Amino acid sequence: MLLLTLSPKTLSSSSSSSSPLPQSQNPRLKSPNPSRLNTRCGPVLPKSEVHTERGLEFDSGETFFRHESARGRDLGVLSASLHKRSTGSLRVLDAMCGCGIRSLRYLVEAGADFVVANDANDENRRVITRNLTRVERGEGDGRRWAVTHMLANKAMIERYMVGDFFDLIDIDSFGSDSAFLRDAFNALKLGGLLYLTSTDGYSSGGHRPYNSLAAYGAFIRPMPFGNEIGLRMLIGGAVREAALLGYHVTPLFSYYSFHGPVFRVLLRVHRGKLHEDRNYGFVTFCHLCGHSDSVRWDELGLLGCHCSDTKASSSLVVSGPMWLGPLHDGSYVTEMLDLAKEWGWVSEGTGMDLEKLLSIMIEESDPRLPPGYFKMDEMASRAKMNSPSLKKMMSALVKEGYAVSRSHIISNGLKTDCPISHFINIAKAELQS
């Protein structure tokens, strides 16, 4: 007889600093002007690796750090600053802070009132503290930052239990861990921002469907636009969890980066469930003709492709449920772009890539655009033809009355509501003109 003993998973074996964190009231703050930073250094670290990001010098020590993730940090800081301007409050929980560069940037660039820099590994404390001491810590209700060491779930649960809520929770997690979603919603102010991460390219690519089902409630199959599916899968998981708690979420922007890969989405959380589920459903793809479509729940028994005379043909695959609506809020991303210009982040030689990224996101926010995109080289291969330029193809699609945009995910991709068969015909006509 085999006897199994199960024990509950403990949230943390470490504790936070002994001094209490300041409560939700807005403290009186000093200006986050970088010229007023404290340059005194903390204790000597066993390993020191100094970097500079947007003019801020910091030490990564022995933490996991990627320069390539700076763009995601840029987007988070822009959003945090917009929130502070619109609400007058910015309390941030950096739930998995690593070396603390995100926390430092929220303090200095976004003007955060208070930041909790939390990392489960207490061996990172010296490097985190050393980086954050570039900003005066402050005392009492005017304290600007605190460093804690516990699992992200416990950091959020403890704040929720004492009624201490955040305007922005940034969770830069690894893999497809979604166990923190409920605790994040509980620790967030209504109208607050939740910045989520996934690095699970296998699940988004449809190679681990049962893993995506467990993590996000979505059974994902291989599709040629898997990286966009990864963003929709992540949003969909948050939509489902929010609904269980009586909330709904709005994606403000979604960002994919090939390094990692990294999927990041910024969500605004509201009270009350949506009265309709038109933006939460399924995506189909036909491997025979290349057509993709969005499917509502009440259409699941009627699946089929236009290229087949039978329903549920063997060439058709279905993924979901997931988010089907726009990946971005166009007006919000426009505000981000305006702020980036105001800060000089898009001037020549300092950030043209950021300007291009935000401009494409604005294009992608068109609500007429369905999930997915066409890769021009795959379209040409399927039709056995050369490929017209993106610019010519976009112009031709607009003339035909279709919605179209570039994709920020892949340079040769086009998003459009044009069916694949007509898309190919338009491409052929462009080559002959």
Protein backbone atom coordinates (compact mmCIF):
# COMPACT_ATOMS: atom_id res chain seq x y z
CA MET A 1 0.00 0.00 0.00
CA LEU A 2 1.39 3.38 -1.03
CA LEU A 3 0.82 6.21 1.44
CA LEU A 4 1.14 9.78 0.18
CA THR A 5 1.44 12.73 2.53
CA LEU A 6 0.47 16.12 1.12
CA SER A 7 1.43 19.38 2.76
CA PRO A 8 0.26 22.87 1.80
CA LYS A 9 2.69 25.06 -0.08
CA THR A 10 4.04 27.77 2.16
CA LEU A 11 4.01 31.26 0.74
CA SER A 12 7.40 32.31 2.03
CA SER A 13 10.20 31.30 4.32
CA SER A 14 11.42 34.85 4.73
CA SER A 15 9.88 37.96 6.18
CA SER A 16 9.73 41.60 5.27
CA SER A 17 11.60 44.38 7.00
CA SER A 18 10.48 45.02 10.56
CA SER A 19 9.30 48.59 10.00
CA PRO A 20 5.72 48.96 8.69
CA LEU A 21 5.03 50.19 5.19
CA PRO A 22 3.30 53.56 4.84
CA GLN A 23 -0.42 53.30 4.18
CA SER A 24 -2.36 54.31 1.09
CA GLN A 25 -2.65 58.03 1.88
CA ASN A 26 -0.60 60.17 -0.47
CA PRO A 27 2.54 61.35 1.39
CA ARG A 28 4.12 64.74 0.84
CA LEU A 29 6.94 64.06 -1.53
CA LYS A 30 10.14 65.59 -2.69
CA SER A 31 10.60 66.19 -6.39
CA PRO A 32 11.77 63.07 -8.28
CA ASN A 33 14.19 65.27 -10.20
CA PRO A 34 17.29 63.16 -10.96
CA SER A 35 19.49 66.11 -9.99
CA ARG A 36 18.38 65.60 -6.39
CA LEU A 37 19.34 61.94 -6.22
CA ASN A 38 21.39 60.72 -3.30
CA THR A 39 24.71 59.45 -4.68
CA ARG A 40 25.91 57.79 -1.49
CA CYS A 41 26.71 54.12 -2.04
CA GLY A 42 25.67 51.23 0.17
CA PRO A 43 27.87 48.34 1.30
CA VAL A 44 30.44 46.87 -1.06
CA LEU A 45 28.96 44.08 -3.17
CA PRO A 46 30.75 40.83 -3.90
CA LYS A 47 30.07 41.43 -7.59
CA SER A 48 29.45 44.77 -9.26
CA GLU A 49 28.25 45.29 -12.82
CA VAL A 50 27.29 48.88 -13.53
CA HIS A 51 24.80 49.77 -16.29
CA THR A 52 23.07 52.92 -17.46
CA GLU A 53 19.44 53.09 -18.61
CA ARG A 54 17.78 56.36 -19.66
CA GLY A 55 20.58 58.20 -17.87
CA LEU A 56 20.19 56.29 -14.60
CA GLU A 57 23.23 54.40 -13.37
CA PHE A 58 22.59 51.16 -11.47
CA ASP A 59 24.27 47.93 -10.45
CA SER A 60 22.83 44.57 -11.53
CA GLY A 61 25.08 42.62 -9.17
CA GLU A 62 24.43 38.89 -9.53
CA THR A 63 20.74 39.25 -10.36
CA PHE A 64 19.15 38.16 -13.63
CA PHE A 65 19.18 41.25 -15.84
CA ARG A 66 18.54 41.87 -19.54
CA HIS A 67 19.31 45.07 -21.40
CA GLU A 68 16.78 43.96 -24.03
CA SER A 69 13.93 44.36 -21.53
CA ALA A 70 14.51 48.13 -21.35
CA ARG A 71 11.72 48.74 -23.88
CA GLY A 72 9.20 47.03 -21.61
CA ARG A 73 10.45 49.15 -18.72
CA ASP A 74 10.04 52.28 -20.88
CA LEU A 75 6.41 51.39 -21.51
CA GLY A 76 5.76 50.75 -17.83
CA VAL A 77 7.29 54.08 -16.78
CA LEU A 78 5.30 56.03 -19.39
CA SER A 79 2.07 54.42 -18.18
CA ALA A 80 2.92 54.99 -14.53
CA SER A 81 3.58 58.67 -15.19
CA LEU A 82 0.28 59.07 -17.05
CA HIS A 83 -1.53 57.48 -14.11
CA LYS A 84 0.16 59.85 -11.66
CA ARG A 85 -0.82 62.85 -13.81
CA SER A 86 -4.45 61.77 -14.08
CA THR A 87 -5.06 60.61 -10.49
CA GLY A 88 -2.43 62.43 -8.43
CA SER A 89 -1.37 59.15 -6.84
CA LEU A 90 1.22 56.53 -7.72
CA ARG A 91 1.97 53.74 -5.28
CA VAL A 92 3.84 50.89 -6.96
CA LEU A 93 4.52 47.28 -6.04
CA ASP A 94 7.42 45.86 -8.03
CA ALA A 95 6.64 42.27 -7.09
CA MET A 96 9.72 40.60 -8.61
CA CYS A 97 12.18 43.46 -8.71
CA GLY A 98 15.50 41.70 -9.42
CA CYS A 99 18.20 44.36 -9.06
CA GLY A 100 15.60 47.12 -8.60
CA ILE A 101 16.03 49.07 -11.84
CA ARG A 102 12.26 49.12 -12.48
CA SER A 103 11.65 50.41 -8.97
CA LEU A 104 14.31 53.09 -9.43
CA ARG A 105 12.80 54.23 -12.71
CA TYR A 106 9.29 54.38 -11.24
CA LEU A 107 10.65 56.61 -8.48
CA VAL A 108 12.77 58.93 -10.59
CA GLU A 109 11.03 59.10 -13.98
CA ALA A 110 7.37 58.46 -13.09
CA GLY A 111 7.53 60.36 -9.79
CA ALA A 112 6.09 57.50 -7.74
CA ASP A 113 4.91 58.48 -4.27
CA PHE A 114 6.00 55.16 -2.83
CA VAL A 115 7.50 51.95 -4.24
CA VAL A 116 7.79 48.53 -2.64
CA ALA A 117 10.72 46.71 -4.24
CA ASN A 118 10.09 43.05 -3.46
CA ASP A 119 12.25 40.11 -4.42
CA ALA A 120 12.01 36.59 -3.00
CA ASN A 121 15.80 36.25 -2.90
CA ASP A 122 17.10 38.10 0.16
CA GLU A 123 20.65 37.76 -1.20
CA ASN A 124 19.71 40.56 -3.62
CA ARG A 125 18.98 43.00 -0.80
CA ARG A 126 22.31 44.80 -0.90
CA VAL A 127 22.23 45.48 -4.64
CA ILE A 128 18.56 46.57 -4.53
CA THR A 129 19.18 48.90 -1.59
CA ARG A 130 22.32 50.28 -3.17
CA ASN A 131 20.41 51.18 -6.34
CA LEU A 132 17.43 52.69 -4.53
CA THR A 133 19.55 54.81 -2.18
CA ARG A 134 20.13 57.04 -5.18
CA VAL A 135 16.70 58.38 -4.13
CA GLU A 136 16.25 59.65 -0.56
CA ARG A 137 14.31 57.01 1.37
CA GLY A 138 12.46 59.51 3.56
CA GLU A 139 10.88 58.86 6.96
CA GLY A 140 7.44 57.98 8.29
CA ASP A 141 4.53 58.84 6.01
CA GLY A 142 6.99 60.54 3.66
CA ARG A 143 8.96 57.37 3.03
CA ARG A 144 9.56 56.90 -0.70
CA TRP A 145 10.54 53.25 -0.88
CA ALA A 146 10.94 49.99 1.00
CA VAL A 147 12.66 46.69 0.21
CA THR A 148 11.00 43.38 1.14
CA HIS A 149 11.86 39.74 0.55
CA MET A 150 9.00 37.30 0.14
CA LEU A 151 7.20 35.45 -2.63
CA ALA A 152 5.14 37.78 -4.81
CA ASN A 153 1.86 36.23 -3.65
CA LYS A 154 2.67 36.89 0.01
CA ALA A 155 3.76 40.46 -0.73
CA MET A 156 0.35 41.14 -2.28
CA ILE A 157 -1.66 39.20 0.32
CA GLU A 158 -0.07 41.10 3.22
CA ARG A 159 -0.92 44.48 1.69
CA TYR A 160 -4.49 43.35 0.93
CA MET A 161 -5.01 42.09 4.50
CA VAL A 162 -4.24 45.52 5.97
CA GLY A 163 -6.18 47.43 3.30
CA ASP A 164 -3.06 48.94 1.75
CA PHE A 165 -3.61 49.06 -2.02
CA PHE A 166 -1.45 49.99 -5.01
CA ASP A 167 -2.03 52.06 -8.14
CA LEU A 168 0.34 49.88 -10.18
CA ILE A 169 1.51 46.33 -9.65
CA ASP A 170 4.34 45.21 -11.94
CA ILE A 171 4.88 41.44 -12.06
CA ASP A 172 7.86 40.55 -14.23
CA SER A 173 7.49 36.80 -13.82
CA PHE A 174 9.12 33.87 -15.60
CA GLY A 175 7.34 31.19 -17.63
CA SER A 176 3.55 30.94 -17.48
CA ASP A 177 3.00 31.28 -13.73
CA SER A 178 -0.47 32.77 -13.28
CA ALA A 179 -0.96 31.83 -9.62
CA PHE A 180 -0.47 35.46 -8.58
CA LEU A 181 -3.39 36.89 -10.59
CA ARG A 182 -6.05 36.74 -7.88
CA ASP A 183 -3.77 38.20 -5.22
CA ALA A 184 -2.75 40.97 -7.62
CA PHE A 185 -6.37 41.95 -8.27
CA ASN A 186 -7.03 42.02 -4.52
CA ALA A 187 -4.04 44.27 -3.78
CA LEU A 188 -4.80 46.74 -6.59
CA LYS A 189 -6.89 49.89 -6.33
CA LEU A 190 -9.98 50.04 -8.51
CA GLY A 191 -8.94 51.81 -11.67
CA GLY A 192 -5.38 50.69 -11.03
CA LEU A 193 -2.88 49.19 -13.47
CA LEU A 194 -1.68 45.59 -13.58
CA TYR A 195 1.45 44.96 -15.68
CA LEU A 196 1.70 41.23 -16.42
CA THR A 197 4.39 39.06 -18.00
CA SER A 198 4.74 35.65 -19.61
CA THR A 199 7.88 34.16 -21.13
CA ASP A 200 6.33 30.84 -22.18
CA GLY A 201 6.81 30.74 -25.93
CA TYR A 202 6.10 27.00 -26.06
CA SER A 203 2.55 27.44 -24.75
CA SER A 204 1.77 30.43 -26.98
CA GLY A 205 3.08 28.47 -29.95
CA GLY A 206 0.66 25.62 -29.23
CA HIS A 207 3.35 23.14 -28.21
CA ARG A 208 2.16 22.74 -24.60
CA PRO A 209 -1.64 23.03 -24.82
CA TYR A 210 -2.29 21.41 -21.45
CA ASN A 211 0.16 23.79 -19.79
CA SER A 212 -1.64 26.82 -21.25
CA LEU A 213 -4.95 25.25 -20.19
CA ALA A 214 -3.74 24.91 -16.60
CA ALA A 215 -2.19 28.38 -16.45
CA TYR A 216 -4.66 30.51 -18.42
CA GLY A 217 -7.68 28.29 -19.06
CA ALA A 218 -6.92 28.26 -22.80
CA PHE A 219 -6.16 25.23 -24.98
CA ILE A 220 -3.70 26.61 -27.54
CA ARG A 221 -2.93 24.91 -30.86
CA PRO A 222 -0.11 25.79 -33.32
CA MET A 223 -0.96 28.79 -35.50
CA PRO A 224 1.30 30.98 -37.69
CA PHE A 225 0.63 34.03 -35.50
CA GLY A 226 1.44 32.28 -32.23
CA ASN A 227 3.17 35.28 -30.68
CA GLU A 228 -0.01 37.34 -30.91
CA ILE A 229 -1.89 34.36 -29.50
CA GLY A 230 0.50 34.50 -26.53
CA LEU A 231 -0.61 38.06 -25.75
CA ARG A 232 -4.29 37.18 -26.15
CA MET A 233 -3.84 34.08 -23.98
CA LEU A 234 -2.30 36.19 -21.20
CA ILE A 235 -5.06 38.81 -21.36
CA GLY A 236 -7.70 36.08 -21.49
CA GLY A 237 -6.37 34.48 -18.32
CA ALA A 238 -6.66 37.83 -16.55
CA VAL A 239 -10.18 38.37 -17.96
CA ARG A 240 -11.30 35.02 -16.55
CA GLU A 241 -9.76 35.59 -13.11
CA ALA A 242 -11.13 39.14 -12.89
CA ALA A 243 -14.65 37.92 -13.70
CA LEU A 244 -14.50 35.47 -10.79
CA LEU A 245 -13.85 38.40 -8.45
CA GLY A 246 -16.52 40.65 -9.95
CA TYR A 247 -14.11 42.81 -11.96
CA HIS A 248 -13.36 43.38 -15.60
CA VAL A 249 -10.13 44.44 -17.26
CA THR A 250 -9.27 46.65 -20.22
CA PRO A 251 -5.99 46.11 -22.11
CA LEU A 252 -4.18 49.46 -22.45
CA PHE A 253 -1.29 48.00 -24.44
CA SER A 254 0.21 44.62 -25.29
CA TYR A 255 3.87 44.16 -26.12
CA TYR A 256 5.79 41.22 -27.56
CA SER A 257 9.58 41.05 -27.70
CA PHE A 258 11.44 38.17 -29.34
CA HIS A 259 14.18 38.02 -26.68
CA GLY A 260 13.06 35.46 -24.16
CA PRO A 261 10.41 35.61 -25.71
CA VAL A 262 8.60 38.14 -23.52
CA PHE A 263 4.87 38.86 -23.55
CA ARG A 264 3.79 41.92 -21.53
CA VAL A 265 0.30 43.39 -21.15
CA LEU A 266 -0.90 46.40 -19.17
CA LEU A 267 -4.45 46.11 -17.87
CA ARG A 268 -6.74 48.59 -16.15
CA VAL A 269 -9.01 46.99 -13.57
CA HIS A 270 -12.65 48.07 -13.12
CA ARG A 271 -15.44 46.94 -10.83
CA GLY A 272 -18.28 44.96 -12.38
CA LYS A 273 -18.44 42.20 -14.97
CA LEU A 274 -18.91 42.96 -18.65
CA HIS A 275 -22.44 42.28 -19.86
CA GLU A 276 -21.25 40.50 -22.98
CA ASP A 277 -18.46 38.11 -23.87
CA ARG A 278 -17.88 39.11 -27.49
CA ASN A 279 -14.20 39.81 -26.73
CA TYR A 280 -13.63 36.46 -24.99
CA GLY A 281 -13.85 33.44 -27.25
CA PHE A 282 -11.91 31.29 -29.70
CA VAL A 283 -9.66 31.65 -32.75
CA THR A 284 -9.63 29.18 -35.63
CA PHE A 285 -7.03 28.60 -38.33
CA CYS A 286 -7.26 26.45 -41.44
CA HIS A 287 -3.95 24.86 -42.41
CA LEU A 288 -5.34 24.09 -45.86
CA CYS A 289 -6.22 27.60 -47.08
CA GLY A 290 -4.70 29.83 -44.38
CA HIS A 291 -7.97 31.46 -43.30
CA SER A 292 -8.39 32.47 -39.64
CA ASP A 293 -11.49 33.61 -37.80
CA SER A 294 -12.92 34.52 -34.39
CA VAL A 295 -15.57 32.22 -32.95
CA ARG A 296 -18.13 32.93 -30.23
CA TRP A 297 -19.09 30.34 -27.64
CA ASP A 298 -22.48 29.71 -29.26
CA GLU A 299 -20.77 28.97 -32.59
CA LEU A 300 -18.57 26.13 -31.34
CA GLY A 301 -20.86 23.44 -32.75
CA LEU A 302 -20.85 25.03 -36.21
CA LEU A 303 -17.13 25.19 -36.91
CA GLY A 304 -15.92 24.86 -40.46
CA CYS A 305 -13.88 26.63 -43.12
CA HIS A 306 -15.04 28.24 -46.35
CA CYS A 307 -12.63 26.05 -48.29
CA SER A 308 -14.29 22.82 -47.08
CA ASP A 309 -17.73 21.36 -47.78
CA THR A 310 -17.82 19.68 -44.38
CA LYS A 311 -17.98 21.14 -40.91
CA ALA A 312 -15.06 20.62 -38.50
CA SER A 313 -12.68 19.66 -41.30
CA SER A 314 -9.39 18.04 -40.29
CA SER A 315 -7.44 21.08 -41.51
CA LEU A 316 -9.13 23.37 -38.96
CA VAL A 317 -7.63 23.96 -35.51
CA VAL A 318 -9.23 25.87 -32.64
CA SER A 319 -7.51 27.75 -29.79
CA GLY A 320 -9.05 29.39 -26.76
CA PRO A 321 -10.82 30.79 -24.99
CA MET A 322 -8.79 33.99 -25.10
CA TRP A 323 -9.10 37.76 -25.56
CA LEU A 324 -10.47 38.64 -29.02
CA GLY A 325 -10.67 42.42 -28.75
CA PRO A 326 -8.07 45.09 -29.57
CA LEU A 327 -4.61 44.56 -28.11
CA HIS A 328 -4.27 48.25 -27.27
CA ASP A 329 -6.31 51.31 -26.36
CA GLY A 330 -5.44 53.69 -29.20
CA SER A 331 -6.09 56.93 -27.32
CA TYR A 332 -4.06 55.72 -24.35
CA VAL A 333 -1.07 54.72 -26.49
CA THR A 334 -1.30 58.11 -28.22
CA GLU A 335 -0.88 59.72 -24.78
CA MET A 336 2.14 57.49 -24.18
CA LEU A 337 3.67 58.61 -27.48
CA ASP A 338 3.03 62.28 -26.67
CA LEU A 339 4.70 61.86 -23.28
CA ALA A 340 7.67 60.05 -24.83
CA LYS A 341 8.11 63.01 -27.18
CA GLU A 342 7.81 65.44 -24.27
CA TRP A 343 10.59 63.59 -22.45
CA GLY A 344 12.80 63.47 -25.54
CA TRP A 345 12.67 59.69 -25.73
CA VAL A 346 11.93 59.65 -29.46
CA SER A 347 14.41 62.26 -30.65
CA GLU A 348 16.99 61.19 -33.21
CA GLY A 349 19.63 58.90 -31.80
CA THR A 350 17.81 58.15 -28.54
CA GLY A 351 14.64 56.25 -29.28
CA MET A 352 13.32 56.06 -32.82
CA ASP A 353 12.46 52.41 -32.20
CA LEU A 354 10.14 53.44 -29.37
CA GLU A 355 8.34 55.95 -31.59
CA LYS A 356 7.87 53.32 -34.29
CA LEU A 357 6.63 50.76 -31.77
CA LEU A 358 4.02 53.09 -30.28
CA SER A 359 2.91 54.27 -33.74
CA ILE A 360 2.32 50.68 -34.86
CA MET A 361 0.44 49.94 -31.63
CA ILE A 362 -1.88 52.84 -32.43
CA GLU A 363 -2.52 51.29 -35.86
CA GLU A 364 -3.17 47.88 -34.29
CA SER A 365 -5.79 49.32 -31.92
CA ASP A 366 -8.41 49.55 -34.72
CA PRO A 367 -11.38 47.52 -33.34
CA ARG A 368 -12.19 46.26 -36.84
CA LEU A 369 -8.99 44.19 -36.93
CA PRO A 370 -9.47 40.51 -36.02
CA PRO A 371 -6.93 38.38 -34.15
CA GLY A 372 -3.89 37.27 -36.14
CA TYR A 373 -1.83 38.61 -39.01
CA PHE A 374 -0.63 37.56 -42.45
CA LYS A 375 3.09 37.01 -42.96
CA MET A 376 3.85 38.30 -46.43
CA ASP A 377 6.45 35.62 -47.17
CA GLU A 378 4.09 32.81 -46.12
CA MET A 379 1.31 34.32 -48.23
CA ALA A 380 3.63 34.45 -51.23
CA SER A 381 4.70 30.85 -50.67
CA ARG A 382 1.11 29.67 -50.34
CA ALA A 383 0.10 31.48 -53.55
CA LYS A 384 3.36 30.59 -55.37
CA MET A 385 4.11 34.20 -56.20
CA ASN A 386 6.39 37.06 -55.25
CA SER A 387 5.35 39.40 -52.47
CA PRO A 388 4.47 43.08 -53.02
CA SER A 389 5.85 45.62 -50.57
CA LEU A 390 4.03 46.21 -47.29
CA LYS A 391 3.38 49.83 -48.25
CA LYS A 392 1.76 48.93 -51.58
CA MET A 393 -0.27 46.15 -50.01
CA MET A 394 -1.56 48.38 -47.23
CA SER A 395 -2.56 51.08 -49.72
CA ALA A 396 -4.39 48.55 -51.90
CA LEU A 397 -6.28 47.08 -48.95
CA VAL A 398 -7.40 50.53 -47.79
CA LYS A 399 -8.65 51.31 -51.32
CA GLU A 400 -10.72 48.12 -51.18
CA GLY A 401 -12.31 49.30 -47.92
CA TYR A 402 -10.51 46.97 -45.52
CA ALA A 403 -8.95 47.82 -42.18
CA VAL A 404 -5.19 47.22 -42.16
CA SER A 405 -2.17 47.85 -39.98
CA ARG A 406 1.38 46.69 -39.53
CA SER A 407 2.15 44.27 -36.72
CA HIS A 408 4.53 45.27 -33.93
CA ILE A 409 5.24 41.56 -33.44
CA ILE A 410 6.79 40.82 -36.82
CA SER A 411 8.20 43.20 -39.41
CA ASN A 412 6.67 41.50 -42.47
CA GLY A 413 3.22 40.98 -40.96
CA LEU A 414 -0.05 42.72 -41.81
CA LYS A 415 -3.22 42.72 -39.74
CA THR A 416 -6.40 43.09 -41.76
CA ASP A 417 -10.04 42.04 -41.89
CA CYS A 418 -9.60 40.99 -45.52
CA PRO A 419 -10.17 37.22 -46.13
CA ILE A 420 -7.07 35.31 -47.21
CA SER A 421 -8.44 34.49 -50.69
CA HIS A 422 -9.14 38.14 -51.50
CA PHE A 423 -5.86 39.15 -49.85
CA ILE A 424 -3.98 36.94 -52.33
CA ASN A 425 -5.96 38.30 -55.28
CA ILE A 426 -5.14 41.88 -54.25
CA ALA A 427 -1.46 40.96 -53.91
CA LYS A 428 -1.43 39.43 -57.40
CA ALA A 429 -3.09 42.53 -58.84
CA GLU A 430 -0.45 44.74 -57.20
CA LEU A 431 2.35 42.70 -58.77
CA GLN A 432 0.79 43.07 -62.21
CA SER A 433 0.19 46.82 -61.90
